[in-house]
PDB file of all heavy atoms in Angstrom:
ATOM      1  N   GLY A   1    -112.749 205.219 -64.647  1.00  0.00           N
ATOM      2  CA  GLY A   1    -113.395 204.415 -63.614  1.00  0.00           C
ATOM      3  C   GLY A   1    -113.674 205.218 -62.368  1.00  0.00           C
ATOM      4  O   GLY A   1    -114.759 205.110 -61.753  1.00  0.00           O
ATOM      5  N   GLU A   2    -112.722 206.050 -61.975  1.00  0.00           N
ATOM      6  CA  GLU A   2    -112.897 206.892 -60.792  1.00  0.00           C
ATOM      7  C   GLU A   2    -114.034 207.886 -60.980  1.00  0.00           C
ATOM      8  O   GLU A   2    -114.845 208.104 -60.070  1.00  0.00           O
ATOM      9  CB  GLU A   2    -111.588 207.630 -60.500  1.00  0.00           C
ATOM     10  CG  GLU A   2    -111.661 208.559 -59.312  1.00  0.00           C
ATOM     11  CD  GLU A   2    -110.386 209.354 -59.106  1.00  0.00           C
ATOM     12  OE1 GLU A   2    -109.452 209.178 -59.917  1.00  0.00           O
ATOM     13  OE2 GLU A   2    -110.327 210.156 -58.158  1.00  0.00           O
ATOM     14  N   LEU A   3    -114.120 208.507 -62.158  1.00  0.00           N
ATOM     15  CA  LEU A   3    -115.163 209.500 -62.410  1.00  0.00           C
ATOM     16  C   LEU A   3    -116.557 208.890 -62.400  1.00  0.00           C
ATOM     17  O   LEU A   3    -117.540 209.570 -62.079  1.00  0.00           O
ATOM     18  CB  LEU A   3    -114.911 210.191 -63.751  1.00  0.00           C
ATOM     19  CG  LEU A   3    -113.706 211.135 -63.801  1.00  0.00           C
ATOM     20  CD1 LEU A   3    -113.475 211.633 -65.216  1.00  0.00           C
ATOM     21  CD2 LEU A   3    -113.913 212.309 -62.850  1.00  0.00           C
ATOM     22  N   TYR A   4    -116.647 207.625 -62.760  1.00  0.00           N
ATOM     23  CA  TYR A   4    -117.938 206.938 -62.730  1.00  0.00           C
ATOM     24  C   TYR A   4    -118.306 206.474 -61.322  1.00  0.00           C
ATOM     25  O   TYR A   4    -119.436 206.042 -61.101  1.00  0.00           O
ATOM     26  CB  TYR A   4    -117.919 205.736 -63.676  1.00  0.00           C
ATOM     27  CG  TYR A   4    -118.457 206.047 -65.050  1.00  0.00           C
ATOM     28  CD1 TYR A   4    -117.651 206.632 -66.017  1.00  0.00           C
ATOM     29  CD2 TYR A   4    -119.774 205.753 -65.388  1.00  0.00           C
ATOM     30  CE1 TYR A   4    -118.133 206.923 -67.282  1.00  0.00           C
ATOM     31  CE2 TYR A   4    -120.276 206.038 -66.649  1.00  0.00           C
ATOM     32  CZ  TYR A   4    -119.445 206.627 -67.589  1.00  0.00           C
ATOM     33  OH  TYR A   4    -119.932 206.921 -68.838  1.00  0.00           O
ATOM     34  N   LEU A   5    -117.353 206.550 -60.391  1.00  0.00           N
ATOM     35  CA  LEU A   5    -117.633 205.994 -59.071  1.00  0.00           C
ATOM     36  C   LEU A   5    -117.554 207.012 -57.936  1.00  0.00           C
ATOM     37  O   LEU A   5    -118.513 207.169 -57.184  1.00  0.00           O
ATOM     38  CB  LEU A   5    -116.673 204.830 -58.799  1.00  0.00           C
ATOM     39  CG  LEU A   5    -116.992 203.994 -57.556  1.00  0.00           C
ATOM     40  CD1 LEU A   5    -116.770 202.516 -57.839  1.00  0.00           C
ATOM     41  CD2 LEU A   5    -116.153 204.422 -56.367  1.00  0.00           C
ATOM     42  N   SER A   6    -116.450 207.736 -57.796  1.00  0.00           N
ATOM     43  CA  SER A   6    -116.228 208.533 -56.593  1.00  0.00           C
ATOM     44  C   SER A   6    -117.171 209.738 -56.456  1.00  0.00           C
ATOM     45  O   SER A   6    -117.876 209.849 -55.446  1.00  0.00           O
ATOM     46  CB  SER A   6    -114.766 208.977 -56.530  1.00  0.00           C
ATOM     47  OG  SER A   6    -114.489 209.561 -55.284  1.00  0.00           O
ATOM     48  N   PRO A   7    -117.237 210.672 -57.417  1.00  0.00           N
ATOM     49  CA  PRO A   7    -118.170 211.790 -57.234  1.00  0.00           C
ATOM     50  C   PRO A   7    -119.626 211.359 -57.228  1.00  0.00           C
ATOM     51  O   PRO A   7    -120.468 211.982 -56.575  1.00  0.00           O
ATOM     52  CB  PRO A   7    -117.859 212.709 -58.429  1.00  0.00           C
ATOM     53  CG  PRO A   7    -117.193 211.839 -59.432  1.00  0.00           C
ATOM     54  CD  PRO A   7    -116.466 210.784 -58.663  1.00  0.00           C
ATOM     55  N   VAL A   8    -119.932 210.289 -57.947  1.00  0.00           N
ATOM     56  CA  VAL A   8    -121.300 209.761 -57.941  1.00  0.00           C
ATOM     57  C   VAL A   8    -121.673 209.301 -56.536  1.00  0.00           C
ATOM     58  O   VAL A   8    -122.792 209.508 -56.062  1.00  0.00           O
ATOM     59  CB  VAL A   8    -121.431 208.597 -58.945  1.00  0.00           C
ATOM     60  CG1 VAL A   8    -122.787 207.914 -58.812  1.00  0.00           C
ATOM     61  CG2 VAL A   8    -121.243 209.108 -60.365  1.00  0.00           C
ATOM     62  N   GLY A   9    -120.711 208.686 -55.846  1.00  0.00           N
ATOM     63  CA  GLY A   9    -120.965 208.247 -54.476  1.00  0.00           C
ATOM     64  C   GLY A   9    -121.193 209.401 -53.526  1.00  0.00           C
ATOM     65  O   GLY A   9    -122.072 209.344 -52.654  1.00  0.00           O
ATOM     66  N   LEU A  10    -120.416 210.474 -53.656  1.00  0.00           N
ATOM     67  CA  LEU A  10    -120.612 211.647 -52.805  1.00  0.00           C
ATOM     68  C   LEU A  10    -121.998 212.239 -53.001  1.00  0.00           C
ATOM     69  O   LEU A  10    -122.679 212.621 -52.037  1.00  0.00           O
ATOM     70  CB  LEU A  10    -119.550 212.698 -53.122  1.00  0.00           C
ATOM     71  CG  LEU A  10    -118.121 212.419 -52.653  1.00  0.00           C
ATOM     72  CD1 LEU A  10    -117.171 213.471 -53.207  1.00  0.00           C
ATOM     73  CD2 LEU A  10    -118.048 212.390 -51.136  1.00  0.00           C
ATOM     74  N   SER A  11    -122.443 212.319 -54.246  1.00  0.00           N
ATOM     75  CA  SER A  11    -123.775 212.846 -54.529  1.00  0.00           C
ATOM     76  C   SER A  11    -124.849 211.930 -53.945  1.00  0.00           C
ATOM     77  O   SER A  11    -125.866 212.398 -53.427  1.00  0.00           O
ATOM     78  CB  SER A  11    -123.959 212.999 -56.038  1.00  0.00           C
ATOM     79  OG  SER A  11    -125.225 213.538 -56.335  1.00  0.00           O
ATOM     80  N   LEU A  12    -124.615 210.628 -54.031  1.00  0.00           N
ATOM     81  CA  LEU A  12    -125.567 209.657 -53.498  1.00  0.00           C
ATOM     82  C   LEU A  12    -125.760 209.852 -51.999  1.00  0.00           C
ATOM     83  O   LEU A  12    -126.878 209.770 -51.480  1.00  0.00           O
ATOM     84  CB  LEU A  12    -125.072 208.233 -53.793  1.00  0.00           C
ATOM     85  CG  LEU A  12    -126.016 207.083 -53.469  1.00  0.00           C
ATOM     86  CD1 LEU A  12    -127.258 207.130 -54.348  1.00  0.00           C
ATOM     87  CD2 LEU A  12    -125.303 205.747 -53.640  1.00  0.00           C
ATOM     88  N   VAL A  13    -124.661 210.123 -51.281  1.00  0.00           N
ATOM     89  CA  VAL A  13    -124.761 210.362 -49.838  1.00  0.00           C
ATOM     90  C   VAL A  13    -125.656 211.554 -49.560  1.00  0.00           C
ATOM     91  O   VAL A  13    -126.537 211.511 -48.694  1.00  0.00           O
ATOM     92  CB  VAL A  13    -123.358 210.603 -49.237  1.00  0.00           C
ATOM     93  CG1 VAL A  13    -123.474 210.991 -47.765  1.00  0.00           C
ATOM     94  CG2 VAL A  13    -122.494 209.362 -49.375  1.00  0.00           C
ATOM     95  N   SER A  14    -125.459 212.646 -50.310  1.00  0.00           N
ATOM     96  CA  SER A  14    -126.232 213.858 -50.060  1.00  0.00           C
ATOM     97  C   SER A  14    -127.710 213.668 -50.346  1.00  0.00           C
ATOM     98  O   SER A  14    -128.557 214.390 -49.816  1.00  0.00           O
ATOM     99  CB  SER A  14    -125.678 215.016 -50.896  1.00  0.00           C
ATOM    100  OG  SER A  14    -125.977 214.839 -52.261  1.00  0.00           O
ATOM    101  N   LYS A  15    -128.047 212.702 -51.204  1.00  0.00           N
ATOM    102  CA  LYS A  15    -129.450 212.452 -51.522  1.00  0.00           C
ATOM    103  C   LYS A  15    -130.122 211.553 -50.487  1.00  0.00           C
ATOM    104  O   LYS A  15    -131.323 211.683 -50.231  1.00  0.00           O
ATOM    105  CB  LYS A  15    -129.561 211.794 -52.899  1.00  0.00           C
ATOM    106  CG  LYS A  15    -129.095 212.671 -54.059  1.00  0.00           C
ATOM    107  CD  LYS A  15    -129.087 211.879 -55.355  1.00  0.00           C
ATOM    108  CE  LYS A  15    -128.540 212.694 -56.514  1.00  0.00           C
ATOM    109  NZ  LYS A  15    -128.434 211.903 -57.761  1.00  0.00           N
ATOM    110  N   ILE A  16    -129.387 210.632 -49.918  1.00  0.00           N
ATOM    111  CA  ILE A  16    -129.974 209.599 -49.067  1.00  0.00           C
ATOM    112  C   ILE A  16    -129.960 209.967 -47.593  1.00  0.00           C
ATOM    113  O   ILE A  16    -130.882 209.659 -46.851  1.00  0.00           O
ATOM    114  CB  ILE A  16    -129.237 208.252 -49.288  1.00  0.00           C
ATOM    115  CG1 ILE A  16    -129.617 207.692 -50.658  1.00  0.00           C
ATOM    116  CG2 ILE A  16    -129.554 207.256 -48.186  1.00  0.00           C
ATOM    117  CD1 ILE A  16    -128.931 206.390 -50.991  1.00  0.00           C
ATOM    118  N   ALA A  17    -128.892 210.658 -47.136  1.00  0.00           N
ATOM    119  CA  ALA A  17    -128.689 210.853 -45.693  1.00  0.00           C
ATOM    120  C   ALA A  17    -129.781 211.717 -45.069  1.00  0.00           C
ATOM    121  O   ALA A  17    -130.166 212.745 -45.640  1.00  0.00           O
ATOM    122  CB  ALA A  17    -127.329 211.486 -45.454  1.00  0.00           C
ATOM    123  N   PRO A  18    -130.297 211.323 -43.895  1.00  0.00           N
ATOM    124  CA  PRO A  18    -131.179 212.219 -43.138  1.00  0.00           C
ATOM    125  C   PRO A  18    -130.439 213.510 -42.810  1.00  0.00           C
ATOM    126  O   PRO A  18    -129.228 213.483 -42.546  1.00  0.00           O
ATOM    127  CB  PRO A  18    -131.482 211.408 -41.861  1.00  0.00           C
ATOM    128  CG  PRO A  18    -131.238 209.982 -42.254  1.00  0.00           C
ATOM    129  CD  PRO A  18    -130.121 210.020 -43.249  1.00  0.00           C
ATOM    130  N   PRO A  19    -131.105 214.655 -42.819  1.00  0.00           N
ATOM    131  CA  PRO A  19    -130.431 215.953 -42.669  1.00  0.00           C
ATOM    132  C   PRO A  19    -129.530 216.046 -41.448  1.00  0.00           C
ATOM    133  O   PRO A  19    -128.452 216.617 -41.517  1.00  0.00           O
ATOM    134  CB  PRO A  19    -131.594 216.939 -42.585  1.00  0.00           C
ATOM    135  CG  PRO A  19    -132.714 216.262 -43.304  1.00  0.00           C
ATOM    136  CD  PRO A  19    -132.555 214.797 -43.044  1.00  0.00           C
ATOM    137  N   ARG A  20    -129.961 215.495 -40.331  1.00  0.00           N
ATOM    138  CA  ARG A  20    -129.178 215.638 -39.107  1.00  0.00           C
ATOM    139  C   ARG A  20    -128.055 214.603 -38.994  1.00  0.00           C
ATOM    140  O   ARG A  20    -127.331 214.587 -38.006  1.00  0.00           O
ATOM    141  CB  ARG A  20    -130.097 215.540 -37.883  1.00  0.00           C
ATOM    142  CG  ARG A  20    -131.104 216.683 -37.794  1.00  0.00           C
ATOM    143  CD  ARG A  20    -131.936 216.607 -36.526  1.00  0.00           C
ATOM    144  NE  ARG A  20    -132.888 217.715 -36.431  1.00  0.00           N
ATOM    145  CZ  ARG A  20    -133.722 217.891 -35.416  1.00  0.00           C
ATOM    146  NH1 ARG A  20    -133.718 217.024 -34.406  1.00  0.00           N
ATOM    147  NH2 ARG A  20    -134.551 218.915 -35.411  1.00  0.00           N
ATOM    148  N   MET A  21    -127.914 213.752 -40.000  1.00  0.00           N
ATOM    149  CA  MET A  21    -126.880 212.719 -39.958  1.00  0.00           C
ATOM    150  C   MET A  21    -125.977 212.774 -41.181  1.00  0.00           C
ATOM    151  O   MET A  21    -125.290 211.809 -41.499  1.00  0.00           O
ATOM    152  CB  MET A  21    -127.545 211.335 -39.857  1.00  0.00           C
ATOM    153  CG  MET A  21    -128.407 211.140 -38.640  1.00  0.00           C
ATOM    154  SD  MET A  21    -129.256 209.526 -38.656  1.00  0.00           S
ATOM    155  CE  MET A  21    -127.861 208.408 -38.469  1.00  0.00           C
ATOM    156  N   ILE A  22    -125.941 213.914 -41.864  1.00  0.00           N
ATOM    157  CA  ILE A  22    -125.221 214.003 -43.116  1.00  0.00           C
ATOM    158  C   ILE A  22    -123.717 213.758 -42.931  1.00  0.00           C
ATOM    159  O   ILE A  22    -123.083 213.057 -43.719  1.00  0.00           O
ATOM    160  CB  ILE A  22    -125.480 215.377 -43.797  1.00  0.00           C
ATOM    161  CG1 ILE A  22    -124.719 215.482 -45.121  1.00  0.00           C
ATOM    162  CG2 ILE A  22    -125.137 216.523 -42.885  1.00  0.00           C
ATOM    163  CD1 ILE A  22    -125.168 214.555 -46.185  1.00  0.00           C
ATOM    164  N   SER A  23    -123.130 214.326 -41.867  1.00  0.00           N
ATOM    165  CA  SER A  23    -121.692 214.120 -41.650  1.00  0.00           C
ATOM    166  C   SER A  23    -121.393 212.674 -41.305  1.00  0.00           C
ATOM    167  O   SER A  23    -120.375 212.118 -41.733  1.00  0.00           O
ATOM    168  CB  SER A  23    -121.186 215.047 -40.538  1.00  0.00           C
ATOM    169  OG  SER A  23    -121.252 216.407 -40.939  1.00  0.00           O
ATOM    170  N   LEU A  24    -122.273 212.047 -40.519  1.00  0.00           N
ATOM    171  CA  LEU A  24    -122.082 210.641 -40.180  1.00  0.00           C
ATOM    172  C   LEU A  24    -122.145 209.774 -41.430  1.00  0.00           C
ATOM    173  O   LEU A  24    -121.339 208.847 -41.607  1.00  0.00           O
ATOM    174  CB  LEU A  24    -123.137 210.193 -39.164  1.00  0.00           C
ATOM    175  CG  LEU A  24    -123.095 208.719 -38.746  1.00  0.00           C
ATOM    176  CD1 LEU A  24    -121.777 208.401 -38.061  1.00  0.00           C
ATOM    177  CD2 LEU A  24    -124.269 208.381 -37.832  1.00  0.00           C
ATOM    178  N   PHE A  25    -123.089 210.061 -42.319  1.00  0.00           N
ATOM    179  CA  PHE A  25    -123.204 209.271 -43.548  1.00  0.00           C
ATOM    180  C   PHE A  25    -122.004 209.487 -44.465  1.00  0.00           C
ATOM    181  O   PHE A  25    -121.565 208.562 -45.139  1.00  0.00           O
ATOM    182  CB  PHE A  25    -124.515 209.603 -44.267  1.00  0.00           C
ATOM    183  CG  PHE A  25    -125.651 208.715 -43.863  1.00  0.00           C
ATOM    184  CD1 PHE A  25    -126.126 208.711 -42.562  1.00  0.00           C
ATOM    185  CD2 PHE A  25    -126.249 207.866 -44.777  1.00  0.00           C
ATOM    186  CE1 PHE A  25    -127.171 207.885 -42.177  1.00  0.00           C
ATOM    187  CE2 PHE A  25    -127.297 207.034 -44.410  1.00  0.00           C
ATOM    188  CZ  PHE A  25    -127.762 207.045 -43.096  1.00  0.00           C
ATOM    189  N   MET A  26    -121.475 210.703 -44.487  1.00  0.00           N
ATOM    190  CA  MET A  26    -120.236 210.922 -45.221  1.00  0.00           C
ATOM    191  C   MET A  26    -119.130 210.060 -44.626  1.00  0.00           C
ATOM    192  O   MET A  26    -118.291 209.512 -45.348  1.00  0.00           O
ATOM    193  CB  MET A  26    -119.833 212.403 -45.173  1.00  0.00           C
ATOM    194  CG  MET A  26    -120.586 213.296 -46.140  1.00  0.00           C
ATOM    195  SD  MET A  26    -120.169 212.961 -47.868  1.00  0.00           S
ATOM    196  CE  MET A  26    -121.256 214.125 -48.702  1.00  0.00           C
ATOM    197  N   GLY A  27    -119.125 209.956 -43.307  1.00  0.00           N
ATOM    198  CA  GLY A  27    -118.138 209.105 -42.655  1.00  0.00           C
ATOM    199  C   GLY A  27    -118.286 207.649 -43.047  1.00  0.00           C
ATOM    200  O   GLY A  27    -117.291 206.935 -43.238  1.00  0.00           O
ATOM    201  N   ILE A  28    -119.544 207.175 -43.192  1.00  0.00           N
ATOM    202  CA  ILE A  28    -119.774 205.790 -43.632  1.00  0.00           C
ATOM    203  C   ILE A  28    -119.246 205.588 -45.051  1.00  0.00           C
ATOM    204  O   ILE A  28    -118.633 204.558 -45.365  1.00  0.00           O
ATOM    205  CB  ILE A  28    -121.272 205.450 -43.550  1.00  0.00           C
ATOM    206  CG1 ILE A  28    -121.735 205.447 -42.085  1.00  0.00           C
ATOM    207  CG2 ILE A  28    -121.555 204.088 -44.195  1.00  0.00           C
ATOM    208  CD1 ILE A  28    -123.230 205.284 -41.917  1.00  0.00           C
ATOM    209  N   TRP A  29    -119.455 206.587 -45.924  1.00  0.00           N
ATOM    210  CA  TRP A  29    -118.934 206.491 -47.289  1.00  0.00           C
ATOM    211  C   TRP A  29    -117.412 206.378 -47.284  1.00  0.00           C
ATOM    212  O   TRP A  29    -116.830 205.547 -47.969  1.00  0.00           O
ATOM    213  CB  TRP A  29    -119.388 207.707 -48.097  1.00  0.00           C
ATOM    214  CG  TRP A  29    -118.696 207.824 -49.426  1.00  0.00           C
ATOM    215  CD1 TRP A  29    -117.723 208.709 -49.764  1.00  0.00           C
ATOM    216  CD2 TRP A  29    -118.912 207.014 -50.586  1.00  0.00           C
ATOM    217  NE1 TRP A  29    -117.314 208.515 -51.067  1.00  0.00           N
ATOM    218  CE2 TRP A  29    -118.036 207.470 -51.593  1.00  0.00           C
ATOM    219  CE3 TRP A  29    -119.763 205.946 -50.876  1.00  0.00           C
ATOM    220  CZ2 TRP A  29    -117.979 206.902 -52.858  1.00  0.00           C
ATOM    221  CZ3 TRP A  29    -119.716 205.385 -52.136  1.00  0.00           C
ATOM    222  CH2 TRP A  29    -118.835 205.858 -53.110  1.00  0.00           C
ATOM    223  N   PHE A  30    -116.768 207.225 -46.479  1.00  0.00           N
ATOM    224  CA  PHE A  30    -115.313 207.181 -46.417  1.00  0.00           C
ATOM    225  C   PHE A  30    -114.806 205.922 -45.718  1.00  0.00           C
ATOM    226  O   PHE A  30    -113.654 205.519 -45.908  1.00  0.00           O
ATOM    227  CB  PHE A  30    -114.773 208.432 -45.721  1.00  0.00           C
ATOM    228  CG  PHE A  30    -114.959 209.685 -46.523  1.00  0.00           C
ATOM    229  CD1 PHE A  30    -115.619 210.785 -46.005  1.00  0.00           C
ATOM    230  CD2 PHE A  30    -114.480 209.768 -47.820  1.00  0.00           C
ATOM    231  CE1 PHE A  30    -115.790 211.937 -46.752  1.00  0.00           C
ATOM    232  CE2 PHE A  30    -114.650 210.910 -48.587  1.00  0.00           C
ATOM    233  CZ  PHE A  30    -115.307 211.997 -48.052  1.00  0.00           C
ATOM    234  N   LEU A  31    -115.679 205.299 -44.906  1.00  0.00           N
ATOM    235  CA  LEU A  31    -115.285 204.039 -44.268  1.00  0.00           C
ATOM    236  C   LEU A  31    -114.996 202.962 -45.310  1.00  0.00           C
ATOM    237  O   LEU A  31    -114.128 202.100 -45.101  1.00  0.00           O
ATOM    238  CB  LEU A  31    -116.396 203.573 -43.315  1.00  0.00           C
ATOM    239  CG  LEU A  31    -116.067 202.381 -42.409  1.00  0.00           C
ATOM    240  CD1 LEU A  31    -114.930 202.733 -41.452  1.00  0.00           C
ATOM    241  CD2 LEU A  31    -117.310 201.957 -41.618  1.00  0.00           C
TER     242      LEU A  31
END
């Protein structure tokens, strides 16, 4: 279950986040 969810989410952040807000979007994921 974790493998289907956690790394997939990290990759999703890197695809969606605007370049200058990547760390902030990572923060939203961890929120």
